[in-house]
Amino acid sequence: MITVVNKSTRCTDDEVRAMTRACATQVQQHAAPTWGQVPIPVVYAASEQEAPPGAWVMAVLDDPDQADALGWHTEEQGDLIYGRVFAAPVLDNGGEVLSGGLTVSSVLSHEVLETLVDPHVNLWADNGNGEAYALEVGDPVESDSYEIVVRGTGPVGVSNFVTPHWFDPRAGEGQRFDWLGKVKAPFKMTKGGYVVVTREGKIQQHFGETYPDWRRSMKHADTSRSARRTTT
């Protein structure tokens, strides 16, 4: 179970409840079926203390804790998985909380999706040409989002994500490589996407041609998925 808690002063509890419901719907109806997984419940709790035992807690906060990170999730000793989402970088760069092209809710969705598919932050996919790509389902289409209507709130933005075919070098035309259908081949990203690649033990980061400059620095946070993979 993923439990979302609100520690932000820039997002109300009702807004975080709404984005949690949108993420739960996305996992249940879109992501889990696409990835052949049993849906993980995504629920809201008033505090970390109210999270069920063993739950993976994802907190929404105001300011990044390290190097202007936008969001991350990680694993600590004892299989303790948890995540953080930061509202300030989104809102200070023209984004909104729930609806629009860049939202706090889509960042939460991004982290929920990547926790669903690779909770331990340690999976890679071989492209058949001597390179391996980090199994991060949100990054290749990171700047793309769509909306899920939440009853009582309206449309809430969630992150686009890639499918298992994206990581399959044998996948051909006609396959669905991402939920929105923007990518046309395995291991390709959209113009606003980002990938982590390793070749001969060296890890590199590649950015799409329109990837925002203000987001690039966030990929260097010590607690980010990218940095964790460099030490895994």
C-alpha atoms as a PDB file:
ATOM      1  CA  MET A   1       0.000   0.000   0.000  1.00  0.00           C
ATOM      2  CA  ILE A   2       1.128   3.517  -0.815  1.00  0.00           C
ATOM      3  CA  THR A   3      -0.017   6.072   1.757  1.00  0.00           C
ATOM      4  CA  VAL A   4       0.104   9.753   0.827  1.00  0.00           C
ATOM      5  CA  VAL A   5       0.370  12.395   3.553  1.00  0.00           C
ATOM      6  CA  ASN A   6       0.346  16.168   3.257  1.00  0.00           C
ATOM      7  CA  LYS A   7       3.073  18.178   4.951  1.00  0.00           C
ATOM      8  CA  SER A   8       2.845  21.106   2.576  1.00  0.00           C
ATOM      9  CA  THR A   9       1.506  24.566   3.343  1.00  0.00           C
ATOM     10  CA  ARG A  10       1.070  25.281  -0.368  1.00  0.00           C
ATOM     11  CA  CYS A  11      -1.276  22.367  -1.046  1.00  0.00           C
ATOM     12  CA  THR A  12      -4.404  21.909   1.030  1.00  0.00           C
ATOM     13  CA  ASP A  13      -5.396  18.584   2.535  1.00  0.00           C
ATOM     14  CA  ASP A  14      -8.365  18.454   0.155  1.00  0.00           C
ATOM     15  CA  GLU A  15      -6.072  18.989  -2.828  1.00  0.00           C
ATOM     16  CA  VAL A  16      -3.742  16.204  -1.730  1.00  0.00           C
ATOM     17  CA  ARG A  17      -6.747  13.942  -1.149  1.00  0.00           C
ATOM     18  CA  ALA A  18      -7.873  14.686  -4.707  1.00  0.00           C
ATOM     19  CA  MET A  19      -4.484  13.935  -6.243  1.00  0.00           C
ATOM     20  CA  THR A  20      -4.278  10.746  -4.184  1.00  0.00           C
ATOM     21  CA  ARG A  21      -7.635   9.594  -5.576  1.00  0.00           C
ATOM     22  CA  ALA A  22      -6.474  10.401  -9.106  1.00  0.00           C
ATOM     23  CA  CYS A  23      -3.303   8.364  -8.585  1.00  0.00           C
ATOM     24  CA  ALA A  24      -5.314   5.474  -7.162  1.00  0.00           C
ATOM     25  CA  THR A  25      -7.546   5.492 -10.236  1.00  0.00           C
ATOM     26  CA  GLN A  26      -4.555   5.672 -12.554  1.00  0.00           C
ATOM     27  CA  VAL A  27      -2.860   2.722 -10.862  1.00  0.00           C
ATOM     28  CA  GLN A  28      -6.008   0.613 -10.821  1.00  0.00           C
ATOM     29  CA  GLN A  29      -7.320   1.352 -14.300  1.00  0.00           C
ATOM     30  CA  HIS A  30      -4.235   2.240 -16.350  1.00  0.00           C
ATOM     31  CA  ALA A  31      -0.800   1.426 -14.957  1.00  0.00           C
ATOM     32  CA  ALA A  32      -1.280  -1.883 -13.135  1.00  0.00           C
ATOM     33  CA  PRO A  33      -3.185  -3.550 -16.022  1.00  0.00           C
ATOM     34  CA  THR A  34      -0.636  -2.245 -18.532  1.00  0.00           C
ATOM     35  CA  TRP A  35       2.228  -3.669 -16.482  1.00  0.00           C
ATOM     36  CA  GLY A  36       0.420  -6.910 -15.600  1.00  0.00           C
ATOM     37  CA  GLN A  37       0.447  -6.164 -11.895  1.00  0.00           C
ATOM     38  CA  VAL A  38      -2.055  -6.381  -9.100  1.00  0.00           C
ATOM     39  CA  PRO A  39      -3.015  -2.759  -8.299  1.00  0.00           C
ATOM     40  CA  ILE A  40      -1.436  -1.347  -5.161  1.00  0.00           C
ATOM     41  CA  PRO A  41      -3.910   0.649  -3.056  1.00  0.00           C
ATOM     42  CA  VAL A  42      -3.061   4.355  -2.970  1.00  0.00           C
ATOM     43  CA  VAL A  43      -4.705   6.043   0.010  1.00  0.00           C
ATOM     44  CA  TYR A  44      -4.577   9.322   1.903  1.00  0.00           C
ATOM     45  CA  ALA A  45      -3.735   9.599   5.606  1.00  0.00           C
ATOM     46  CA  ALA A  46      -3.789  12.641   7.848  1.00  0.00           C
ATOM     47  CA  SER A  47      -0.282  11.893   9.125  1.00  0.00           C
ATOM     48  CA  GLU A  48       2.532   9.378   8.846  1.00  0.00           C
ATOM     49  CA  GLN A  49       1.497   7.980  12.213  1.00  0.00           C
ATOM     50  CA  GLU A  50      -1.874   7.017  10.747  1.00  0.00           C
ATOM     51  CA  ALA A  51      -0.350   5.050   7.875  1.00  0.00           C
ATOM     52  CA  PRO A  52      -0.960   1.285   8.180  1.00  0.00           C
ATOM     53  CA  PRO A  53       2.026  -0.812   9.298  1.00  0.00           C
ATOM     54  CA  GLY A  54       4.234  -1.651   6.342  1.00  0.00           C
ATOM     55  CA  ALA A  55       2.764   1.047   4.108  1.00  0.00           C
ATOM     56  CA  TRP A  56       5.034   2.913   1.714  1.00  0.00           C
ATOM     57  CA  VAL A  57       4.610   6.527   2.804  1.00  0.00           C
ATOM     58  CA  MET A  58       4.849   9.301   0.234  1.00  0.00           C
ATOM     59  CA  ALA A  59       4.824  12.802   1.691  1.00  0.00           C
ATOM     60  CA  VAL A  60       3.992  16.042  -0.108  1.00  0.00           C
ATOM     61  CA  LEU A  61       6.176  18.860   1.241  1.00  0.00           C
ATOM     62  CA  ASP A  62       6.923  22.465   0.323  1.00  0.00           C
ATOM     63  CA  ASP A  63      10.658  22.773  -0.213  1.00  0.00           C
ATOM     64  CA  PRO A  64      13.146  20.242  -1.577  1.00  0.00           C
ATOM     65  CA  ASP A  65      15.368  18.632   1.017  1.00  0.00           C
ATOM     66  CA  GLN A  66      18.396  18.361  -1.278  1.00  0.00           C
ATOM     67  CA  ALA A  67      19.566  20.047  -4.477  1.00  0.00           C
ATOM     68  CA  ASP A  68      16.156  21.335  -5.531  1.00  0.00           C
ATOM     69  CA  ALA A  69      14.699  17.885  -6.128  1.00  0.00           C
ATOM     70  CA  LEU A  70      11.223  17.723  -7.632  1.00  0.00           C
ATOM     71  CA  GLY A  71      10.432  14.335  -6.161  1.00  0.00           C
ATOM     72  CA  TRP A  72      11.995  10.975  -5.409  1.00  0.00           C
ATOM     73  CA  HIS A  73      11.491   7.620  -3.802  1.00  0.00           C
ATOM     74  CA  THR A  74      14.046   5.292  -2.305  1.00  0.00           C
ATOM     75  CA  GLU A  75      14.613   2.208  -0.178  1.00  0.00           C
ATOM     76  CA  GLU A  76      16.345   1.970   3.156  1.00  0.00           C
ATOM     77  CA  GLN A  77      17.548  -0.988   5.161  1.00  0.00           C
ATOM     78  CA  GLY A  78      14.782  -3.350   6.158  1.00  0.00           C
ATOM     79  CA  ASP A  79      12.848  -2.931   2.897  1.00  0.00           C
ATOM     80  CA  LEU A  80      11.581   0.466   4.012  1.00  0.00           C
ATOM     81  CA  ILE A  81      10.332   2.249   0.888  1.00  0.00           C
ATOM     82  CA  TYR A  82       9.247   5.863   1.046  1.00  0.00           C
ATOM     83  CA  GLY A  83       9.039   8.933  -1.154  1.00  0.00           C
ATOM     84  CA  ARG A  84       8.886  12.711  -1.225  1.00  0.00           C
ATOM     85  CA  VAL A  85       7.160  15.171  -3.553  1.00  0.00           C
ATOM     86  CA  PHE A  86       7.951  18.893  -3.406  1.00  0.00           C
ATOM     87  CA  ALA A  87       5.400  21.559  -4.249  1.00  0.00           C
ATOM     88  CA  ALA A  88       7.610  24.664  -4.347  1.00  0.00           C
ATOM     89  CA  PRO A  89       9.645  23.859  -7.512  1.00  0.00           C
ATOM     90  CA  VAL A  90       6.408  23.217  -9.417  1.00  0.00           C
ATOM     91  CA  LEU A  91       4.525  26.251  -8.164  1.00  0.00           C
ATOM     92  CA  ASP A  92       7.523  28.583  -8.397  1.00  0.00           C
ATOM     93  CA  ASN A  93       8.051  27.651 -12.060  1.00  0.00           C
ATOM     94  CA  GLY A  94       4.558  28.383 -13.306  1.00  0.00           C
ATOM     95  CA  GLY A  95       2.855  25.121 -12.354  1.00  0.00           C
ATOM     96  CA  GLU A  96      -0.401  24.488 -10.543  1.00  0.00           C
ATOM     97  CA  VAL A  97      -1.456  22.120  -7.797  1.00  0.00           C
ATOM     98  CA  LEU A  98      -3.978  19.964  -9.664  1.00  0.00           C
ATOM     99  CA  SER A  99      -4.754  21.019 -13.218  1.00  0.00           C
ATOM    100  CA  GLY A 100      -2.547  22.176 -16.085  1.00  0.00           C
ATOM    101  CA  GLY A 101       0.544  21.156 -18.018  1.00  0.00           C
ATOM    102  CA  LEU A 102       2.762  21.074 -14.912  1.00  0.00           C
ATOM    103  CA  THR A 103       1.223  20.103 -11.587  1.00  0.00           C
ATOM    104  CA  VAL A 104       2.137  18.860  -8.151  1.00  0.00           C
ATOM    105  CA  SER A 105      -0.349  16.056  -8.753  1.00  0.00           C
ATOM    106  CA  SER A 106       1.539  14.859 -11.847  1.00  0.00           C
ATOM    107  CA  VAL A 107       4.783  14.749  -9.839  1.00  0.00           C
ATOM    108  CA  LEU A 108       3.039  12.630  -7.205  1.00  0.00           C
ATOM    109  CA  SER A 109       1.685  10.408  -9.974  1.00  0.00           C
ATOM    110  CA  HIS A 110       5.188  10.060 -11.446  1.00  0.00           C
ATOM    111  CA  GLU A 111       6.591   8.840  -8.138  1.00  0.00           C
ATOM    112  CA  VAL A 112       3.646   6.536  -7.450  1.00  0.00           C
ATOM    113  CA  LEU A 113       4.017   4.920 -10.886  1.00  0.00           C
ATOM    114  CA  GLU A 114       7.746   4.390 -10.521  1.00  0.00           C
ATOM    115  CA  THR A 115       7.276   2.985  -7.034  1.00  0.00           C
ATOM    116  CA  LEU A 116       4.687   0.578  -8.435  1.00  0.00           C
ATOM    117  CA  VAL A 117       6.962  -0.748 -11.190  1.00  0.00           C
ATOM    118  CA  ASP A 118      10.398  -0.572  -9.534  1.00  0.00           C
ATOM    119  CA  PRO A 119       9.982  -0.031  -5.781  1.00  0.00           C
ATOM    120  CA  HIS A 120      13.575  -1.009  -4.967  1.00  0.00           C
ATOM    121  CA  VAL A 121      15.104   1.322  -7.588  1.00  0.00           C
ATOM    122  CA  ASN A 122      17.376  -1.379  -8.995  1.00  0.00           C
ATOM    123  CA  LEU A 123      15.970  -2.627 -12.314  1.00  0.00           C
ATOM    124  CA  TRP A 124      17.521  -2.105 -15.748  1.00  0.00           C
ATOM    125  CA  ALA A 125      16.550  -3.115 -19.290  1.00  0.00           C
ATOM    126  CA  ASP A 126      19.117  -4.147 -21.921  1.00  0.00           C
ATOM    127  CA  ASN A 127      18.600  -2.495 -25.307  1.00  0.00           C
ATOM    128  CA  GLY A 128      20.631  -5.161 -27.141  1.00  0.00           C
ATOM    129  CA  ASN A 129      23.387  -2.720 -28.124  1.00  0.00           C
ATOM    130  CA  GLY A 130      25.525  -2.779 -25.005  1.00  0.00           C
ATOM    131  CA  GLU A 131      23.426  -0.301 -23.064  1.00  0.00           C
ATOM    132  CA  ALA A 132      20.972  -0.717 -20.209  1.00  0.00           C
ATOM    133  CA  TYR A 133      18.178   1.724 -19.394  1.00  0.00           C
ATOM    134  CA  ALA A 134      16.905   2.389 -15.897  1.00  0.00           C
ATOM    135  CA  LEU A 135      13.411   1.001 -15.444  1.00  0.00           C
ATOM    136  CA  GLU A 136      11.872   4.394 -14.749  1.00  0.00           C
ATOM    137  CA  VAL A 137       8.459   4.522 -16.343  1.00  0.00           C
ATOM    138  CA  GLY A 138       7.819   8.238 -16.012  1.00  0.00           C
ATOM    139  CA  ASP A 139      11.131   9.764 -17.068  1.00  0.00           C
ATOM    140  CA  PRO A 140      11.112   9.125 -20.854  1.00  0.00           C
ATOM    141  CA  VAL A 141       7.819  11.052 -21.110  1.00  0.00           C
ATOM    142  CA  GLU A 142       8.338  13.228 -18.054  1.00  0.00           C
ATOM    143  CA  SER A 143       6.880  16.473 -19.419  1.00  0.00           C
ATOM    144  CA  ASP A 144       3.658  14.840 -20.653  1.00  0.00           C
ATOM    145  CA  SER A 145       0.542  14.491 -18.554  1.00  0.00           C
ATOM    146  CA  TYR A 146      -3.188  13.837 -18.850  1.00  0.00           C
ATOM    147  CA  GLU A 147      -6.156  14.365 -16.585  1.00  0.00           C
ATOM    148  CA  ILE A 148      -8.372  12.089 -14.536  1.00  0.00           C
ATOM    149  CA  VAL A 149     -11.684  13.449 -13.302  1.00  0.00           C
ATOM    150  CA  VAL A 150     -12.062  13.129  -9.543  1.00  0.00           C
ATOM    151  CA  ARG A 151     -15.600  13.350  -8.234  1.00  0.00           C
ATOM    152  CA  GLY A 152     -16.165  16.532  -6.281  1.00  0.00           C
ATOM    153  CA  THR A 153     -12.947  18.121  -7.525  1.00  0.00           C
ATOM    154  CA  GLY A 154     -12.789  17.989 -11.312  1.00  0.00           C
ATOM    155  CA  PRO A 155      -9.817  17.170 -13.552  1.00  0.00           C
ATOM    156  CA  VAL A 156      -6.555  16.265 -11.850  1.00  0.00           C
ATOM    157  CA  GLY A 157      -3.288  15.980 -13.778  1.00  0.00           C
ATOM    158  CA  VAL A 158      -1.353  12.698 -13.716  1.00  0.00           C
ATOM    159  CA  SER A 159       1.884  11.674 -15.376  1.00  0.00           C
ATOM    160  CA  ASN A 160       2.195   9.903 -18.686  1.00  0.00           C
ATOM    161  CA  PHE A 161       4.158   6.648 -18.446  1.00  0.00           C
ATOM    162  CA  VAL A 162       5.842   4.110 -20.712  1.00  0.00           C
ATOM    163  CA  THR A 163       4.715   0.513 -21.133  1.00  0.00           C
ATOM    164  CA  PRO A 164       6.722  -2.734 -20.982  1.00  0.00           C
ATOM    165  CA  HIS A 165       7.096  -2.562 -24.795  1.00  0.00           C
ATOM    166  CA  TRP A 166       9.237   0.561 -24.351  1.00  0.00           C
ATOM    167  CA  PHE A 167      11.882  -1.589 -22.657  1.00  0.00           C
ATOM    168  CA  ASP A 168      11.729  -4.401 -25.263  1.00  0.00           C
ATOM    169  CA  PRO A 169      14.252  -3.997 -28.117  1.00  0.00           C
ATOM    170  CA  ARG A 170      12.255  -6.517 -30.178  1.00  0.00           C
ATOM    171  CA  ALA A 171       9.009  -4.572 -29.979  1.00  0.00           C
ATOM    172  CA  GLY A 172       7.929  -3.380 -33.400  1.00  0.00           C
ATOM    173  CA  GLU A 173       5.490  -0.953 -34.921  1.00  0.00           C
ATOM    174  CA  GLY A 174       1.919  -1.123 -33.740  1.00  0.00           C
ATOM    175  CA  GLN A 175       2.849  -1.552 -30.097  1.00  0.00           C
ATOM    176  CA  ARG A 176       1.850   0.931 -27.441  1.00  0.00           C
ATOM    177  CA  PHE A 177       5.066   2.341 -26.019  1.00  0.00           C
ATOM    178  CA  ASP A 178       3.506   4.889 -23.667  1.00  0.00           C
ATOM    179  CA  TRP A 179       0.025   5.555 -22.354  1.00  0.00           C
ATOM    180  CA  LEU A 180      -0.563   8.650 -24.494  1.00  0.00           C
ATOM    181  CA  GLY A 181       0.900   7.118 -27.652  1.00  0.00           C
ATOM    182  CA  LYS A 182       3.580   9.753 -28.167  1.00  0.00           C
ATOM    183  CA  VAL A 183       6.600   7.439 -28.434  1.00  0.00           C
ATOM    184  CA  LYS A 184       6.942   5.323 -31.575  1.00  0.00           C
ATOM    185  CA  ALA A 185       9.830   2.975 -30.742  1.00  0.00           C
ATOM    186  CA  PRO A 186      11.574   1.288 -27.791  1.00  0.00           C
ATOM    187  CA  PHE A 187      14.077   3.343 -25.771  1.00  0.00           C
ATOM    188  CA  LYS A 188      13.021   6.625 -27.402  1.00  0.00           C
ATOM    189  CA  MET A 189      11.893   9.608 -25.357  1.00  0.00           C
ATOM    190  CA  THR A 190       9.678  12.555 -26.066  1.00  0.00           C
ATOM    191  CA  LYS A 191      11.213  16.028 -26.502  1.00  0.00           C
ATOM    192  CA  GLY A 192      10.541  16.757 -22.836  1.00  0.00           C
ATOM    193  CA  GLY A 193      11.747  13.369 -21.615  1.00  0.00           C
ATOM    194  CA  TYR A 194      14.801  12.094 -19.801  1.00  0.00           C
ATOM    195  CA  VAL A 195      16.589   8.732 -19.471  1.00  0.00           C
ATOM    196  CA  VAL A 196      19.308   7.148 -17.350  1.00  0.00           C
ATOM    197  CA  VAL A 197      21.606   4.841 -19.341  1.00  0.00           C
ATOM    198  CA  THR A 198      24.575   2.705 -18.372  1.00  0.00           C
ATOM    199  CA  ARG A 199      27.258   1.475 -20.753  1.00  0.00           C
ATOM    200  CA  GLU A 200      30.396  -0.386 -19.695  1.00  0.00           C
ATOM    201  CA  GLY A 201      29.726   0.514 -16.091  1.00  0.00           C
ATOM    202  CA  LYS A 202      29.377   4.233 -16.755  1.00  0.00           C
ATOM    203  CA  ILE A 203      26.038   5.904 -16.060  1.00  0.00           C
ATOM    204  CA  GLN A 204      24.866   8.789 -18.206  1.00  0.00           C
ATOM    205  CA  GLN A 205      21.830  11.044 -18.270  1.00  0.00           C
ATOM    206  CA  HIS A 206      20.216  12.039 -21.572  1.00  0.00           C
ATOM    207  CA  PHE A 207      17.641  14.801 -21.960  1.00  0.00           C
ATOM    208  CA  GLY A 208      15.104  15.557 -24.671  1.00  0.00           C
ATOM    209  CA  GLU A 209      15.662  18.674 -26.744  1.00  0.00           C
ATOM    210  CA  THR A 210      13.003  20.694 -24.913  1.00  0.00           C
ATOM    211  CA  TYR A 211      13.667  19.348 -21.419  1.00  0.00           C
ATOM    212  CA  PRO A 212      13.386  22.419 -19.131  1.00  0.00           C
ATOM    213  CA  ASP A 213      16.696  23.737 -17.822  1.00  0.00           C
ATOM    214  CA  TRP A 214      15.236  24.347 -14.360  1.00  0.00           C
ATOM    215  CA  ARG A 215      14.497  20.633 -14.046  1.00  0.00           C
ATOM    216  CA  ARG A 216      17.923  19.347 -15.070  1.00  0.00           C
ATOM    217  CA  SER A 217      19.611  20.360 -11.828  1.00  0.00           C
ATOM    218  CA  MET A 218      17.004  18.395  -9.895  1.00  0.00           C
ATOM    219  CA  LYS A 219      18.338  15.168 -11.374  1.00  0.00           C
ATOM    220  CA  HIS A 220      21.528  15.579  -9.366  1.00  0.00           C
ATOM    221  CA  ALA A 221      19.911  15.356  -5.920  1.00  0.00           C
ATOM    222  CA  ASP A 222      21.687  12.790  -3.753  1.00  0.00           C
ATOM    223  CA  THR A 223      18.373  11.173  -2.874  1.00  0.00           C
ATOM    224  CA  SER A 224      17.038  11.039  -6.438  1.00  0.00           C
ATOM    225  CA  ARG A 225      16.476   7.762  -8.303  1.00  0.00           C
ATOM    226  CA  SER A 226      19.291   8.641 -10.707  1.00  0.00           C
ATOM    227  CA  ALA A 227      21.861   9.131  -7.972  1.00  0.00           C
ATOM    228  CA  ARG A 228      20.723   6.016  -6.149  1.00  0.00           C
ATOM    229  CA  ARG A 229      21.280   3.953  -9.303  1.00  0.00           C
ATOM    230  CA  THR A 230      24.823   5.297  -9.638  1.00  0.00           C
ATOM    231  CA  THR A 231      25.642   3.778  -6.262  1.00  0.00           C
ATOM    232  CA  THR A 232      23.602   0.585  -6.623  1.00  0.00           C
END
